[in-house]
PDB file of N, CA and C in Angstrom:
ATOM      1  N   MET A   1       4.719  13.270 -38.516  1.00  0.00           N
ATOM      2  CA  MET A   1       4.325  12.716 -39.806  1.00  0.00           C
ATOM      3  C   MET A   1       5.540  12.397 -40.668  1.00  0.00           C
ATOM      4  N   ARG A   2       6.564  13.287 -40.585  1.00  0.00           N
ATOM      5  CA  ARG A   2       7.767  13.085 -41.386  1.00  0.00           C
ATOM      6  C   ARG A   2       8.490  11.829 -40.934  1.00  0.00           C
ATOM      7  N   ARG A   3       8.480  11.568 -39.592  1.00  0.00           N
ATOM      8  CA  ARG A   3       9.117  10.363 -39.068  1.00  0.00           C
ATOM      9  C   ARG A   3       8.481   9.122 -39.600  1.00  0.00           C
ATOM     10  N   PHE A   4       7.095   9.132 -39.611  1.00  0.00           N
ATOM     11  CA  PHE A   4       6.364   7.977 -40.107  1.00  0.00           C
ATOM     12  C   PHE A   4       6.643   7.783 -41.579  1.00  0.00           C
ATOM     13  N   SER A   5       6.708   8.827 -42.380  1.00  0.00           N
ATOM     14  CA  SER A   5       6.985   8.765 -43.809  1.00  0.00           C
ATOM     15  C   SER A   5       8.354   8.124 -44.039  1.00  0.00           C
ATOM     16  N   LEU A   6       9.342   8.545 -43.269  1.00  0.00           N
ATOM     17  CA  LEU A   6      10.682   7.986 -43.395  1.00  0.00           C
ATOM     18  C   LEU A   6      10.681   6.484 -43.045  1.00  0.00           C
ATOM     19  N   LEU A   7       9.943   6.133 -41.977  1.00  0.00           N
ATOM     20  CA  LEU A   7       9.851   4.728 -41.580  1.00  0.00           C
ATOM     21  C   LEU A   7       9.165   3.925 -42.645  1.00  0.00           C
ATOM     22  N   LEU A   8       8.131   4.413 -43.219  1.00  0.00           N
ATOM     23  CA  LEU A   8       7.422   3.724 -44.297  1.00  0.00           C
ATOM     24  C   LEU A   8       8.294   3.549 -45.506  1.00  0.00           C
ATOM     25  N   LEU A   9       9.069   4.564 -45.858  1.00  0.00           N
ATOM     26  CA  LEU A   9       9.972   4.484 -46.938  1.00  0.00           C
ATOM     27  C   LEU A   9      11.063   3.415 -46.695  1.00  0.00           C
ATOM     28  N   ALA A  10      11.561   3.377 -45.458  1.00  0.00           N
ATOM     29  CA  ALA A  10      12.562   2.344 -45.106  1.00  0.00           C
ATOM     30  C   ALA A  10      11.933   0.966 -45.210  1.00  0.00           C
ATOM     31  N   LEU A  11      10.715   0.818 -44.764  1.00  0.00           N
ATOM     32  CA  LEU A  11      10.052  -0.476 -44.905  1.00  0.00           C
ATOM     33  C   LEU A  11       9.896  -0.919 -46.351  1.00  0.00           C
ATOM     34  N   CYS A  12       9.539   0.015 -47.165  1.00  0.00           N
ATOM     35  CA  CYS A  12       9.346  -0.321 -48.580  1.00  0.00           C
ATOM     36  C   CYS A  12      10.646  -0.828 -49.197  1.00  0.00           C
ATOM     37  N   PHE A  13      11.768  -0.219 -48.811  1.00  0.00           N
ATOM     38  CA  PHE A  13      13.037  -0.689 -49.381  1.00  0.00           C
ATOM     39  C   PHE A  13      13.498  -1.979 -48.713  1.00  0.00           C
ATOM     40  N   ALA A  14      13.054  -2.218 -47.474  1.00  0.00           N
ATOM     41  CA  ALA A  14      13.496  -3.434 -46.736  1.00  0.00           C
ATOM     42  C   ALA A  14      12.748  -4.664 -47.252  1.00  0.00           C
ATOM     43  N   LEU A  15      11.588  -4.497 -47.794  1.00  0.00           N
ATOM     44  CA  LEU A  15      10.772  -5.632 -48.311  1.00  0.00           C
ATOM     45  C   LEU A  15      10.610  -5.508 -49.790  1.00  0.00           C
ATOM     46  N   PRO A  16      10.772  -6.599 -50.504  1.00  0.00           N
ATOM     47  CA  PRO A  16      10.500  -6.527 -51.995  1.00  0.00           C
ATOM     48  C   PRO A  16       9.035  -6.178 -52.249  1.00  0.00           C
ATOM     49  N   ALA A  17       8.792  -5.575 -53.409  1.00  0.00           N
ATOM     50  CA  ALA A  17       7.404  -5.213 -53.716  1.00  0.00           C
ATOM     51  C   ALA A  17       6.429  -6.409 -53.649  1.00  0.00           C
ATOM     52  N   THR A  18       6.933  -7.593 -53.969  1.00  0.00           N
ATOM     53  CA  THR A  18       6.062  -8.785 -53.929  1.00  0.00           C
ATOM     54  C   THR A  18       5.695  -9.069 -52.477  1.00  0.00           C
ATOM     55  N   ALA A  19       6.610  -8.825 -51.505  1.00  0.00           N
ATOM     56  CA  ALA A  19       6.323  -9.025 -50.121  1.00  0.00           C
ATOM     57  C   ALA A  19       5.187  -8.082 -49.671  1.00  0.00           C
ATOM     58  N   LEU A  20       5.265  -6.823 -50.086  1.00  0.00           N
ATOM     59  CA  LEU A  20       4.196  -5.876 -49.723  1.00  0.00           C
ATOM     60  C   LEU A  20       2.857  -6.312 -50.353  1.00  0.00           C
ATOM     61  N   ALA A  21       2.901  -6.771 -51.558  1.00  0.00           N
ATOM     62  CA  ALA A  21       1.678  -7.252 -52.210  1.00  0.00           C
ATOM     63  C   ALA A  21       1.156  -8.459 -51.444  1.00  0.00           C
ATOM     64  N   ASP A  22       2.049  -9.383 -51.072  1.00  0.00           N
ATOM     65  CA  ASP A  22       1.624 -10.555 -50.303  1.00  0.00           C
ATOM     66  C   ASP A  22       1.057 -10.146 -48.940  1.00  0.00           C
ATOM     67  N   GLY A  23       1.658  -9.081 -48.337  1.00  0.00           N
ATOM     68  CA  GLY A  23       1.132  -8.600 -47.053  1.00  0.00           C
ATOM     69  C   GLY A  23      -0.291  -8.065 -47.226  1.00  0.00           C
ATOM     70  N   ALA A  24      -0.555  -7.373 -48.317  1.00  0.00           N
ATOM     71  CA  ALA A  24      -1.905  -6.850 -48.580  1.00  0.00           C
ATOM     72  C   ALA A  24      -2.881  -8.029 -48.817  1.00  0.00           C
ATOM     73  N   SER A  25      -2.401  -9.044 -49.496  1.00  0.00           N
ATOM     74  CA  SER A  25      -3.222 -10.203 -49.796  1.00  0.00           C
ATOM     75  C   SER A  25      -3.545 -10.960 -48.498  1.00  0.00           C
ATOM     76  N   ASP A  26      -2.549 -11.181 -47.680  1.00  0.00           N
ATOM     77  CA  ASP A  26      -2.787 -11.848 -46.434  1.00  0.00           C
ATOM     78  C   ASP A  26      -3.664 -11.012 -45.476  1.00  0.00           C
ATOM     79  N   PHE A  27      -3.426  -9.703 -45.472  1.00  0.00           N
ATOM     80  CA  PHE A  27      -4.312  -8.844 -44.728  1.00  0.00           C
ATOM     81  C   PHE A  27      -5.776  -9.009 -45.165  1.00  0.00           C
ATOM     82  N   ALA A  28      -5.983  -8.988 -46.433  1.00  0.00           N
ATOM     83  CA  ALA A  28      -7.330  -9.142 -46.976  1.00  0.00           C
ATOM     84  C   ALA A  28      -7.955 -10.503 -46.565  1.00  0.00           C
ATOM     85  N   THR A  29      -7.126 -11.523 -46.567  1.00  0.00           N
ATOM     86  CA  THR A  29      -7.593 -12.854 -46.235  1.00  0.00           C
ATOM     87  C   THR A  29      -7.872 -13.030 -44.731  1.00  0.00           C
ATOM     88  N   TYR A  30      -6.932 -12.591 -43.909  1.00  0.00           N
ATOM     89  CA  TYR A  30      -7.001 -12.898 -42.478  1.00  0.00           C
ATOM     90  C   TYR A  30      -7.421 -11.768 -41.567  1.00  0.00           C
ATOM     91  N   CYS A  31      -7.283 -10.529 -42.008  1.00  0.00           N
ATOM     92  CA  CYS A  31      -7.507  -9.423 -41.080  1.00  0.00           C
ATOM     93  C   CYS A  31      -8.676  -8.527 -41.399  1.00  0.00           C
ATOM     94  N   SER A  32      -8.996  -8.402 -42.677  1.00  0.00           N
ATOM     95  CA  SER A  32     -10.030  -7.434 -43.107  1.00  0.00           C
ATOM     96  C   SER A  32     -11.416  -7.779 -42.611  1.00  0.00           C
ATOM     97  N   THR A  33     -11.707  -9.062 -42.328  1.00  0.00           N
ATOM     98  CA  THR A  33     -13.012  -9.403 -41.820  1.00  0.00           C
ATOM     99  C   THR A  33     -13.344  -8.584 -40.564  1.00  0.00           C
ATOM    100  N   CYS A  34     -12.366  -8.420 -39.730  1.00  0.00           N
ATOM    101  CA  CYS A  34     -12.541  -7.632 -38.487  1.00  0.00           C
ATOM    102  C   CYS A  34     -12.102  -6.146 -38.640  1.00  0.00           C
ATOM    103  N   HIS A  35     -10.892  -5.930 -39.180  1.00  0.00           N
ATOM    104  CA  HIS A  35     -10.339  -4.619 -39.241  1.00  0.00           C
ATOM    105  C   HIS A  35     -10.806  -3.800 -40.466  1.00  0.00           C
ATOM    106  N   GLY A  36     -11.459  -4.429 -41.439  1.00  0.00           N
ATOM    107  CA  GLY A  36     -11.895  -3.686 -42.610  1.00  0.00           C
ATOM    108  C   GLY A  36     -10.867  -3.598 -43.684  1.00  0.00           C
ATOM    109  N   ALA A  37     -11.251  -3.452 -44.885  1.00  0.00           N
ATOM    110  CA  ALA A  37     -10.342  -3.427 -46.051  1.00  0.00           C
ATOM    111  C   ALA A  37      -9.327  -2.312 -45.957  1.00  0.00           C
ATOM    112  N   THR A  38      -9.699  -1.205 -45.356  1.00  0.00           N
ATOM    113  CA  THR A  38      -8.768  -0.090 -45.234  1.00  0.00           C
ATOM    114  C   THR A  38      -8.252   0.102 -43.824  1.00  0.00           C
ATOM    115  N   GLY A  39      -8.486  -0.903 -42.996  1.00  0.00           N
ATOM    116  CA  GLY A  39      -7.895  -0.865 -41.656  1.00  0.00           C
ATOM    117  C   GLY A  39      -8.615   0.086 -40.665  1.00  0.00           C
ATOM    118  N   GLN A  40      -9.854   0.413 -40.914  1.00  0.00           N
ATOM    119  CA  GLN A  40     -10.573   1.347 -40.057  1.00  0.00           C
ATOM    120  C   GLN A  40     -11.342   0.675 -38.879  1.00  0.00           C
ATOM    121  N   GLY A  41     -11.210  -0.657 -38.751  1.00  0.00           N
ATOM    122  CA  GLY A  41     -11.886  -1.331 -37.684  1.00  0.00           C
ATOM    123  C   GLY A  41     -13.340  -1.579 -38.036  1.00  0.00           C
ATOM    124  N   ASP A  42     -13.666  -1.523 -39.300  1.00  0.00           N
ATOM    125  CA  ASP A  42     -15.087  -1.596 -39.717  1.00  0.00           C
ATOM    126  C   ASP A  42     -15.403  -2.783 -40.628  1.00  0.00           C
ATOM    127  N   GLY A  43     -14.703  -3.898 -40.383  1.00  0.00           N
ATOM    128  CA  GLY A  43     -14.961  -5.117 -41.160  1.00  0.00           C
ATOM    129  C   GLY A  43     -16.310  -5.676 -40.881  1.00  0.00           C
ATOM    130  N   ALA A  44     -16.736  -6.641 -41.707  1.00  0.00           N
ATOM    131  CA  ALA A  44     -18.074  -7.258 -41.611  1.00  0.00           C
ATOM    132  C   ALA A  44     -18.318  -7.823 -40.224  1.00  0.00           C
ATOM    133  N   ALA A  45     -17.327  -8.384 -39.556  1.00  0.00           N
ATOM    134  CA  ALA A  45     -17.528  -8.980 -38.270  1.00  0.00           C
ATOM    135  C   ALA A  45     -17.528  -7.940 -37.106  1.00  0.00           C
ATOM    136  N   ALA A  46     -17.078  -6.711 -37.382  1.00  0.00           N
ATOM    137  CA  ALA A  46     -16.903  -5.750 -36.357  1.00  0.00           C
ATOM    138  C   ALA A  46     -18.196  -5.364 -35.639  1.00  0.00           C
ATOM    139  N   ALA A  47     -19.303  -5.367 -36.331  1.00  0.00           N
ATOM    140  CA  ALA A  47     -20.609  -4.974 -35.747  1.00  0.00           C
ATOM    141  C   ALA A  47     -20.931  -5.820 -34.549  1.00  0.00           C
ATOM    142  N   ALA A  48     -20.552  -7.082 -34.549  1.00  0.00           N
ATOM    143  CA  ALA A  48     -20.884  -7.985 -33.507  1.00  0.00           C
ATOM    144  C   ALA A  48     -19.808  -8.068 -32.406  1.00  0.00           C
ATOM    145  N   MET A  49     -18.773  -7.292 -32.523  1.00  0.00           N
ATOM    146  CA  MET A  49     -17.661  -7.412 -31.583  1.00  0.00           C
ATOM    147  C   MET A  49     -17.662  -6.316 -30.530  1.00  0.00           C
ATOM    148  N   ASP A  50     -17.300  -6.698 -29.307  1.00  0.00           N
ATOM    149  CA  ASP A  50     -17.173  -5.726 -28.219  1.00  0.00           C
ATOM    150  C   ASP A  50     -15.945  -6.181 -27.376  1.00  0.00           C
ATOM    151  N   PRO A  51     -14.860  -5.483 -27.390  1.00  0.00           N
ATOM    152  CA  PRO A  51     -14.678  -4.149 -28.013  1.00  0.00           C
ATOM    153  C   PRO A  51     -14.504  -4.319 -29.510  1.00  0.00           C
ATOM    154  N   LYS A  52     -14.648  -3.175 -30.166  1.00  0.00           N
ATOM    155  CA  LYS A  52     -14.524  -3.180 -31.629  1.00  0.00           C
ATOM    156  C   LYS A  52     -13.073  -3.360 -32.033  1.00  0.00           C
ATOM    157  N   PRO A  53     -12.812  -3.913 -33.223  1.00  0.00           N
ATOM    158  CA  PRO A  53     -11.472  -4.046 -33.727  1.00  0.00           C
ATOM    159  C   PRO A  53     -10.780  -2.711 -33.840  1.00  0.00           C
ATOM    160  N   ALA A  54      -9.504  -2.725 -33.678  1.00  0.00           N
ATOM    161  CA  ALA A  54      -8.692  -1.517 -33.747  1.00  0.00           C
ATOM    162  C   ALA A  54      -8.738  -0.906 -35.136  1.00  0.00           C
ATOM    163  N   SER A  55      -8.691   0.402 -35.169  1.00  0.00           N
ATOM    164  CA  SER A  55      -8.480   1.140 -36.400  1.00  0.00           C
ATOM    165  C   SER A  55      -6.974   1.417 -36.482  1.00  0.00           C
ATOM    166  N   PHE A  56      -6.400   1.176 -37.628  1.00  0.00           N
ATOM    167  CA  PHE A  56      -4.966   1.401 -37.799  1.00  0.00           C
ATOM    168  C   PHE A  56      -4.645   2.873 -37.860  1.00  0.00           C
ATOM    169  N   ASN A  57      -5.601   3.748 -37.800  1.00  0.00           N
ATOM    170  CA  ASN A  57      -5.335   5.189 -37.654  1.00  0.00           C
ATOM    171  C   ASN A  57      -5.101   5.564 -36.230  1.00  0.00           C
ATOM    172  N   ALA A  58      -5.416   4.618 -35.289  1.00  0.00           N
ATOM    173  CA  ALA A  58      -5.226   4.908 -33.866  1.00  0.00           C
ATOM    174  C   ALA A  58      -3.789   5.154 -33.549  1.00  0.00           C
ATOM    175  N   GLU A  59      -3.509   5.943 -32.530  1.00  0.00           N
ATOM    176  CA  GLU A  59      -2.122   6.284 -32.180  1.00  0.00           C
ATOM    177  C   GLU A  59      -1.277   5.084 -31.890  1.00  0.00           C
ATOM    178  N   PHE A  60      -1.912   4.018 -31.300  1.00  0.00           N
ATOM    179  CA  PHE A  60      -1.176   2.801 -31.007  1.00  0.00           C
ATOM    180  C   PHE A  60      -0.418   2.273 -32.214  1.00  0.00           C
ATOM    181  N   PHE A  61      -1.012   2.316 -33.367  1.00  0.00           N
ATOM    182  CA  PHE A  61      -0.390   1.770 -34.555  1.00  0.00           C
ATOM    183  C   PHE A  61       0.576   2.686 -35.186  1.00  0.00           C
ATOM    184  N   LYS A  62       0.431   3.974 -34.953  1.00  0.00           N
ATOM    185  CA  LYS A  62       1.369   4.944 -35.523  1.00  0.00           C
ATOM    186  C   LYS A  62       2.702   4.959 -34.789  1.00  0.00           C
ATOM    187  N   THR A  63       2.661   4.564 -33.505  1.00  0.00           N
ATOM    188  CA  THR A  63       3.856   4.733 -32.698  1.00  0.00           C
ATOM    189  C   THR A  63       4.523   3.386 -32.316  1.00  0.00           C
ATOM    190  N   ARG A  64       3.948   2.265 -32.683  1.00  0.00           N
ATOM    191  CA  ARG A  64       4.515   0.962 -32.311  1.00  0.00           C
ATOM    192  C   ARG A  64       5.510   0.492 -33.302  1.00  0.00           C
ATOM    193  N   ASP A  65       6.543  -0.141 -32.722  1.00  0.00           N
ATOM    194  CA  ASP A  65       7.598  -0.688 -33.589  1.00  0.00           C
ATOM    195  C   ASP A  65       7.085  -2.019 -34.159  1.00  0.00           C
ATOM    196  N   ASP A  66       7.820  -2.467 -35.137  1.00  0.00           N
ATOM    197  CA  ASP A  66       7.447  -3.710 -35.841  1.00  0.00           C
ATOM    198  C   ASP A  66       7.349  -4.878 -34.887  1.00  0.00           C
ATOM    199  N   ALA A  67       8.223  -4.953 -33.901  1.00  0.00           N
ATOM    200  CA  ALA A  67       8.228  -6.081 -32.964  1.00  0.00           C
ATOM    201  C   ALA A  67       6.914  -6.161 -32.167  1.00  0.00           C
ATOM    202  N   THR A  68       6.360  -5.008 -31.820  1.00  0.00           N
ATOM    203  CA  THR A  68       5.138  -5.052 -31.008  1.00  0.00           C
ATOM    204  C   THR A  68       3.982  -5.444 -31.916  1.00  0.00           C
ATOM    205  N   LEU A  69       3.904  -4.965 -33.147  1.00  0.00           N
ATOM    206  CA  LEU A  69       2.858  -5.325 -34.064  1.00  0.00           C
ATOM    207  C   LEU A  69       2.998  -6.835 -34.427  1.00  0.00           C
ATOM    208  N   THR A  70       4.200  -7.287 -34.614  1.00  0.00           N
ATOM    209  CA  THR A  70       4.446  -8.686 -34.910  1.00  0.00           C
ATOM    210  C   THR A  70       3.957  -9.590 -33.733  1.00  0.00           C
ATOM    211  N   LYS A  71       4.295  -9.167 -32.537  1.00  0.00           N
ATOM    212  CA  LYS A  71       3.853  -9.917 -31.347  1.00  0.00           C
ATOM    213  C   LYS A  71       2.348  -9.995 -31.264  1.00  0.00           C
ATOM    214  N   ALA A  72       1.665  -8.870 -31.568  1.00  0.00           N
ATOM    215  CA  ALA A  72       0.204  -8.835 -31.501  1.00  0.00           C
ATOM    216  C   ALA A  72      -0.418  -9.815 -32.534  1.00  0.00           C
ATOM    217  N   ILE A  73       0.130  -9.813 -33.724  1.00  0.00           N
ATOM    218  CA  ILE A  73      -0.343 -10.691 -34.761  1.00  0.00           C
ATOM    219  C   ILE A  73      -0.048 -12.132 -34.396  1.00  0.00           C
ATOM    220  N   LYS A  74       1.151 -12.392 -33.990  1.00  0.00           N
ATOM    221  CA  LYS A  74       1.630 -13.766 -33.759  1.00  0.00           C
ATOM    222  C   LYS A  74       0.991 -14.377 -32.456  1.00  0.00           C
ATOM    223  N   GLU A  75       0.906 -13.588 -31.406  1.00  0.00           N
ATOM    224  CA  GLU A  75       0.476 -14.103 -30.121  1.00  0.00           C
ATOM    225  C   GLU A  75      -0.934 -13.645 -29.667  1.00  0.00           C
ATOM    226  N   GLY A  76      -1.511 -12.715 -30.375  1.00  0.00           N
ATOM    227  CA  GLY A  76      -2.793 -12.197 -30.018  1.00  0.00           C
ATOM    228  C   GLY A  76      -2.748 -10.881 -29.252  1.00  0.00           C
ATOM    229  N   GLY A  77      -3.918 -10.254 -29.135  1.00  0.00           N
ATOM    230  CA  GLY A  77      -3.987  -8.937 -28.522  1.00  0.00           C
ATOM    231  C   GLY A  77      -3.523  -8.875 -27.072  1.00  0.00           C
ATOM    232  N   THR A  78      -3.834  -9.914 -26.273  1.00  0.00           N
ATOM    233  CA  THR A  78      -3.442  -9.852 -24.870  1.00  0.00           C
ATOM    234  C   THR A  78      -1.928  -9.838 -24.692  1.00  0.00           C
ATOM    235  N   ALA A  79      -1.168 -10.332 -25.631  1.00  0.00           N
ATOM    236  CA  ALA A  79       0.290 -10.322 -25.568  1.00  0.00           C
ATOM    237  C   ALA A  79       0.896  -8.945 -25.531  1.00  0.00           C
ATOM    238  N   VAL A  80       0.107  -7.977 -26.023  1.00  0.00           N
ATOM    239  CA  VAL A  80       0.607  -6.568 -26.020  1.00  0.00           C
ATOM    240  C   VAL A  80      -0.382  -5.661 -25.261  1.00  0.00           C
ATOM    241  N   GLY A  81      -1.137  -6.242 -24.368  1.00  0.00           N
ATOM    242  CA  GLY A  81      -2.061  -5.467 -23.515  1.00  0.00           C
ATOM    243  C   GLY A  81      -3.279  -4.953 -24.205  1.00  0.00           C
ATOM    244  N   LYS A  82      -3.660  -5.609 -25.286  1.00  0.00           N
ATOM    245  CA  LYS A  82      -4.900  -5.254 -26.028  1.00  0.00           C
ATOM    246  C   LYS A  82      -5.941  -6.319 -25.888  1.00  0.00           C
ATOM    247  N   SER A  83      -6.984  -6.229 -26.612  1.00  0.00           N
ATOM    248  CA  SER A  83      -8.154  -7.104 -26.505  1.00  0.00           C
ATOM    249  C   SER A  83      -7.881  -8.571 -26.816  1.00  0.00           C
ATOM    250  N   ALA A  84      -8.501  -9.408 -26.015  1.00  0.00           N
ATOM    251  CA  ALA A  84      -8.441 -10.865 -26.278  1.00  0.00           C
ATOM    252  C   ALA A  84      -9.210 -11.240 -27.544  1.00  0.00           C
ATOM    253  N   MET A  85      -9.979 -10.309 -28.065  1.00  0.00           N
ATOM    254  CA  MET A  85     -10.734 -10.568 -29.332  1.00  0.00           C
ATOM    255  C   MET A  85      -9.769 -10.674 -30.500  1.00  0.00           C
ATOM    256  N   MET A  86      -8.569 -10.111 -30.367  1.00  0.00           N
ATOM    257  CA  MET A  86      -7.550 -10.173 -31.389  1.00  0.00           C
ATOM    258  C   MET A  86      -6.922 -11.561 -31.205  1.00  0.00           C
ATOM    259  N   SER A  87      -7.230 -12.440 -32.127  1.00  0.00           N
ATOM    260  CA  SER A  87      -6.713 -13.803 -32.047  1.00  0.00           C
ATOM    261  C   SER A  87      -5.257 -13.932 -32.435  1.00  0.00           C
ATOM    262  N   PRO A  88      -4.574 -14.914 -31.903  1.00  0.00           N
ATOM    263  CA  PRO A  88      -3.175 -15.153 -32.337  1.00  0.00           C
ATOM    264  C   PRO A  88      -3.176 -15.823 -33.709  1.00  0.00           C
ATOM    265  N   TRP A  89      -2.324 -15.411 -34.579  1.00  0.00           N
ATOM    266  CA  TRP A  89      -2.238 -15.941 -35.953  1.00  0.00           C
ATOM    267  C   TRP A  89      -0.884 -16.621 -36.208  1.00  0.00           C
ATOM    268  N   GLY A  90      -0.083 -16.812 -35.186  1.00  0.00           N
ATOM    269  CA  GLY A  90       1.234 -17.410 -35.341  1.00  0.00           C
ATOM    270  C   GLY A  90       1.229 -18.808 -35.821  1.00  0.00           C
ATOM    271  N   SER A  91       0.106 -19.533 -35.593  1.00  0.00           N
ATOM    272  CA  SER A  91       0.059 -20.913 -36.080  1.00  0.00           C
ATOM    273  C   SER A  91      -0.429 -21.016 -37.503  1.00  0.00           C
ATOM    274  N   VAL A  92      -0.899 -19.880 -38.026  1.00  0.00           N
ATOM    275  CA  VAL A  92      -1.449 -19.809 -39.367  1.00  0.00           C
ATOM    276  C   VAL A  92      -0.471 -19.144 -40.391  1.00  0.00           C
ATOM    277  N   LEU A  93       0.106 -18.035 -39.882  1.00  0.00           N
ATOM    278  CA  LEU A  93       0.993 -17.245 -40.754  1.00  0.00           C
ATOM    279  C   LEU A  93       2.466 -17.496 -40.393  1.00  0.00           C
ATOM    280  N   LYS A  94       3.287 -17.603 -41.392  1.00  0.00           N
ATOM    281  CA  LYS A  94       4.703 -17.753 -41.187  1.00  0.00           C
ATOM    282  C   LYS A  94       5.322 -16.362 -40.830  1.00  0.00           C
ATOM    283  N   ASP A  95       6.533 -16.369 -40.305  1.00  0.00           N
ATOM    284  CA  ASP A  95       7.172 -15.121 -39.894  1.00  0.00           C
ATOM    285  C   ASP A  95       7.301 -14.117 -41.069  1.00  0.00           C
ATOM    286  N   ASP A  96       7.647 -14.601 -42.231  1.00  0.00           N
ATOM    287  CA  ASP A  96       7.739 -13.681 -43.383  1.00  0.00           C
ATOM    288  C   ASP A  96       6.378 -13.116 -43.781  1.00  0.00           C
ATOM    289  N   GLN A  97       5.366 -13.881 -43.626  1.00  0.00           N
ATOM    290  CA  GLN A  97       4.002 -13.358 -43.905  1.00  0.00           C
ATOM    291  C   GLN A  97       3.612 -12.268 -42.904  1.00  0.00           C
ATOM    292  N   ILE A  98       3.921 -12.563 -41.626  1.00  0.00           N
ATOM    293  CA  ILE A  98       3.629 -11.573 -40.617  1.00  0.00           C
ATOM    294  C   ILE A  98       4.348 -10.292 -40.827  1.00  0.00           C
ATOM    295  N   LYS A  99       5.617 -10.390 -41.202  1.00  0.00           N
ATOM    296  CA  LYS A  99       6.424  -9.226 -41.525  1.00  0.00           C
ATOM    297  C   LYS A  99       5.801  -8.375 -42.625  1.00  0.00           C
ATOM    298  N   ALA A 100       5.336  -9.090 -43.630  1.00  0.00           N
ATOM    299  CA  ALA A 100       4.679  -8.397 -44.766  1.00  0.00           C
ATOM    300  C   ALA A 100       3.361  -7.767 -44.371  1.00  0.00           C
ATOM    301  N   VAL A 101       2.581  -8.426 -43.491  1.00  0.00           N
ATOM    302  CA  VAL A 101       1.325  -7.865 -42.987  1.00  0.00           C
ATOM    303  C   VAL A 101       1.600  -6.646 -42.175  1.00  0.00           C
ATOM    304  N   VAL A 102       2.644  -6.663 -41.316  1.00  0.00           N
ATOM    305  CA  VAL A 102       3.029  -5.509 -40.526  1.00  0.00           C
ATOM    306  C   VAL A 102       3.314  -4.312 -41.447  1.00  0.00           C
ATOM    307  N   ALA A 103       4.120  -4.581 -42.505  1.00  0.00           N
ATOM    308  CA  ALA A 103       4.472  -3.529 -43.473  1.00  0.00           C
ATOM    309  C   ALA A 103       3.163  -2.947 -44.105  1.00  0.00           C
ATOM    310  N   HIS A 104       2.242  -3.841 -44.422  1.00  0.00           N
ATOM    311  CA  HIS A 104       0.979  -3.375 -45.029  1.00  0.00           C
ATOM    312  C   HIS A 104       0.184  -2.517 -44.033  1.00  0.00           C
ATOM    313  N   ILE A 105       0.096  -2.964 -42.782  1.00  0.00           N
ATOM    314  CA  ILE A 105      -0.611  -2.233 -41.748  1.00  0.00           C
ATOM    315  C   ILE A 105      -0.039  -0.803 -41.641  1.00  0.00           C
ATOM    316  N   LYS A 106       1.261  -0.681 -41.708  1.00  0.00           N
ATOM    317  CA  LYS A 106       1.887   0.616 -41.612  1.00  0.00           C
ATOM    318  C   LYS A 106       1.522   1.521 -42.801  1.00  0.00           C
ATOM    319  N   THR A 107       1.150   0.961 -43.931  1.00  0.00           N
ATOM    320  CA  THR A 107       0.689   1.774 -45.030  1.00  0.00           C
ATOM    321  C   THR A 107      -0.723   2.299 -44.754  1.00  0.00           C
ATOM    322  N   LEU A 108      -1.471   1.618 -43.911  1.00  0.00           N
ATOM    323  CA  LEU A 108      -2.868   1.972 -43.599  1.00  0.00           C
ATOM    324  C   LEU A 108      -2.904   3.006 -42.461  1.00  0.00           C
ATOM    325  N   ALA A 109      -1.889   3.069 -41.598  1.00  0.00           N
ATOM    326  CA  ALA A 109      -1.849   4.001 -40.480  1.00  0.00           C
ATOM    327  C   ALA A 109      -1.573   5.395 -41.014  1.00  0.00           C
ATOM    328  N   LYS A 110      -2.547   6.238 -40.985  1.00  0.00           N
ATOM    329  CA  LYS A 110      -2.431   7.578 -41.548  1.00  0.00           C
ATOM    330  C   LYS A 110      -2.323   8.639 -40.443  1.00  0.00           C
TER     331      LYS A 110
END
């Protein structure tokens, strides 16, 4: 837990507060429909999905580096050995937006 706290602290200093806010905003716009507002995998679309969207409390999200999470968002779930239900967002989100979304996801991984 201490390691995660230090990582989160480093992320907060690496990104301006506005970037973190933008990450939360982009997460709400593009991710929460499936992953839920708090990242529990319980978004409105989740009920109809099989497999269910990932919960950011899952060990996968606690232990993955930013590059892996970035790749999953940019290229889709299959790019990191996860579900094809996770669509690629690289054509929609710019690299700085994805970086901010990754930082926001890490605030949700408890």
